[in-house]
Every structure is written in C-alpha cells, then in structure tokens.
Amino acid sequence: MAIGEYVKSADWKSEKHVPVIEIPDSVKPGEAFNVQITVGKEISHPNTIEHHIKWFDLYVMYDDGQFLIHLGHIEFTPVNTQPTAVFNVKLEKSGSLIATSYCNIHGLWESSKRVEF
C-alpha cells in the first residue's frame, strides 16, 4: 500500500475538506508571491475540538523535477483559528503547487494548481 491510496480529492465547490490554492494571476520566476490555502472556502468546515482541520502542507513539483519539494507546514489550534494560511514562496521555474490538508475525522485531502512562467 502507498499513502496515495488514502489521499482524497474532489471538486472544491462541493467538498469542504479540499484545500483551495489561490495565487496571483501573474507571477515571475525568482520573485516572491503569496500562496493562500483555505479549507471551507465555499462550504464552511467545522472548527471544533471534535472536528477540525489540523494542518496544511505545501509542496512544489517542478516540470523537470524528479522530487516533490516541501515548501511549508502550518498547524491549527481548533476553535481559535480558521483553516486559512498564506505562504510566501519564490519559484525559479514552472511547475505544480500541491497542498494537503488533514481533517481529524475525514483524513488527508489534496489539490494542486499550476504555476506557469
């Protein structure tokens, strides 16, 4: 078995667990830009001790790369925070940003977004 068999994804407009990745319309190689990740953008996710988003991870896979590069990790405290984070990143070439989110009840979720130069 591989971890990928347990990662879920879905259309973010109908699912409250999928991380939504937002980036500026235009980015340049080597220049920093903000990547915002949100869970529950269209459909609110519970934020209680019993049911909450625990963390996000952000990765990049460059088009010519062999390895996934980990860009950052953030953890949330239930009840006091909302599952939204901003990462400031600088990429050198085109690739795909991949975000994962973890719900303490419903497991691991992912989505991706292309970055083109």
Protein backbone atom coordinates (compact mmCIF):
# COMPACT_ATOMS: atom_id res chain seq x y z
CA MET A 1 0.00 0.00 0.00
CA ALA A 2 1.03 3.57 -0.65
CA ILE A 3 -0.08 6.75 1.10
CA GLY A 4 -1.52 8.00 -2.19
CA GLU A 5 -4.24 5.36 -1.92
CA TYR A 6 -5.59 7.18 1.14
CA VAL A 7 -5.38 10.79 -0.07
CA LYS A 8 -8.75 12.19 -1.12
CA SER A 9 -9.54 14.94 -3.58
CA ALA A 10 -12.76 16.34 -5.02
CA ASP A 11 -14.22 19.40 -6.65
CA TRP A 12 -13.72 22.13 -4.04
CA LYS A 13 -17.14 23.67 -4.81
CA SER A 14 -18.89 20.61 -3.41
CA GLU A 15 -16.46 19.45 -0.74
CA LYS A 16 -15.43 21.26 2.44
CA HIS A 17 -12.17 19.34 3.03
CA VAL A 18 -10.23 20.03 -0.17
CA PRO A 19 -7.56 22.74 0.20
CA VAL A 20 -8.21 25.63 -2.20
CA ILE A 21 -4.98 27.18 -3.55
CA GLU A 22 -5.04 30.82 -4.61
CA ILE A 23 -2.14 32.63 -6.28
CA PRO A 24 -1.79 35.93 -8.15
CA ASP A 25 -2.79 35.91 -11.83
CA SER A 26 0.77 36.71 -12.81
CA VAL A 27 3.99 35.58 -11.13
CA LYS A 28 7.62 35.86 -12.23
CA PRO A 29 10.49 33.42 -11.78
CA GLY A 30 12.63 34.26 -8.75
CA GLU A 31 10.14 36.80 -7.34
CA ALA A 32 8.27 36.07 -4.11
CA PHE A 33 4.48 35.78 -4.21
CA ASN A 34 1.76 34.75 -1.78
CA VAL A 35 0.05 31.37 -1.92
CA GLN A 36 -3.16 31.31 0.11
CA ILE A 37 -4.62 27.96 1.14
CA THR A 38 -8.12 27.68 2.54
CA VAL A 39 -10.33 24.79 3.56
CA GLY A 40 -14.03 25.53 3.68
CA LYS A 41 -13.94 28.42 1.21
CA GLU A 42 -17.39 27.71 -0.28
CA ILE A 43 -18.75 25.25 2.29
CA SER A 44 -17.70 26.03 5.86
CA HIS A 45 -15.74 23.35 7.69
CA PRO A 46 -16.43 22.77 11.41
CA ASN A 47 -13.80 24.15 13.73
CA THR A 48 -14.43 22.35 16.99
CA ILE A 49 -12.35 20.18 19.28
CA GLU A 50 -14.28 17.18 17.95
CA HIS A 51 -13.99 18.02 14.20
CA HIS A 52 -11.36 20.34 12.72
CA ILE A 53 -8.60 20.84 10.16
CA LYS A 54 -5.35 20.00 11.93
CA TRP A 55 -2.71 21.12 9.39
CA PHE A 56 -1.68 22.12 5.85
CA ASP A 57 1.45 21.22 3.88
CA LEU A 58 2.54 22.96 0.68
CA TYR A 59 4.79 21.38 -1.96
CA VAL A 60 6.04 22.14 -5.46
CA MET A 61 6.80 19.68 -8.23
CA TYR A 62 8.79 21.41 -10.96
CA ASP A 63 8.04 20.28 -14.50
CA ASP A 64 11.58 18.95 -14.95
CA GLY A 65 11.90 17.68 -11.38
CA GLN A 66 12.10 14.19 -10.01
CA PHE A 67 11.23 15.04 -6.41
CA LEU A 68 8.45 16.78 -4.57
CA ILE A 69 9.85 19.80 -2.70
CA HIS A 70 8.28 20.64 0.66
CA LEU A 71 7.71 24.41 0.94
CA GLY A 72 5.98 24.70 4.30
CA HIS A 73 3.77 23.33 7.05
CA ILE A 74 1.28 25.01 9.36
CA GLU A 75 -0.76 23.59 12.26
CA PHE A 76 -4.04 24.94 13.57
CA THR A 77 -5.50 25.07 17.05
CA PRO A 78 -9.16 24.03 16.97
CA VAL A 79 -11.81 26.62 17.88
CA ASN A 80 -9.40 29.58 17.98
CA THR A 81 -8.27 29.56 14.34
CA GLN A 82 -9.76 29.14 10.89
CA PRO A 83 -8.18 26.83 8.28
CA THR A 84 -6.57 29.55 6.13
CA ALA A 85 -2.86 30.19 5.67
CA VAL A 86 -0.59 32.30 3.49
CA PHE A 87 2.83 31.07 2.38
CA ASN A 88 5.26 33.46 0.72
CA VAL A 89 7.22 31.50 -1.88
CA LYS A 90 9.77 32.09 -4.61
CA LEU A 91 9.85 29.64 -7.53
CA GLU A 92 12.51 29.50 -10.22
CA LYS A 93 10.55 27.62 -12.89
CA SER A 94 7.11 26.36 -13.88
CA GLY A 95 5.51 23.51 -12.01
CA SER A 96 2.59 22.49 -9.83
CA LEU A 97 1.86 23.61 -6.30
CA ILE A 98 0.34 20.80 -4.26
CA ALA A 99 -1.48 21.42 -0.99
CA THR A 100 -2.56 18.81 1.53
CA SER A 101 -4.92 19.28 4.46
CA TYR A 102 -5.68 16.92 7.31
CA CYS A 103 -9.10 16.63 8.95
CA ASN A 104 -9.00 14.83 12.29
CA ILE A 105 -12.10 12.80 11.28
CA HIS A 106 -12.03 12.56 7.47
CA GLY A 107 -8.29 12.18 6.83
CA LEU A 108 -5.91 13.54 4.22
CA TRP A 109 -7.01 15.71 1.26
CA GLU A 110 -5.09 17.33 -1.60
CA SER A 111 -5.37 19.70 -4.53
CA SER A 112 -2.95 21.27 -6.99
CA LYS A 113 -2.52 24.44 -9.02
CA ARG A 114 -0.26 25.14 -11.99
CA VAL A 115 2.29 27.94 -11.90
CA GLU A 116 3.44 28.96 -15.38
CA PHE A 117 6.26 31.33 -16.29
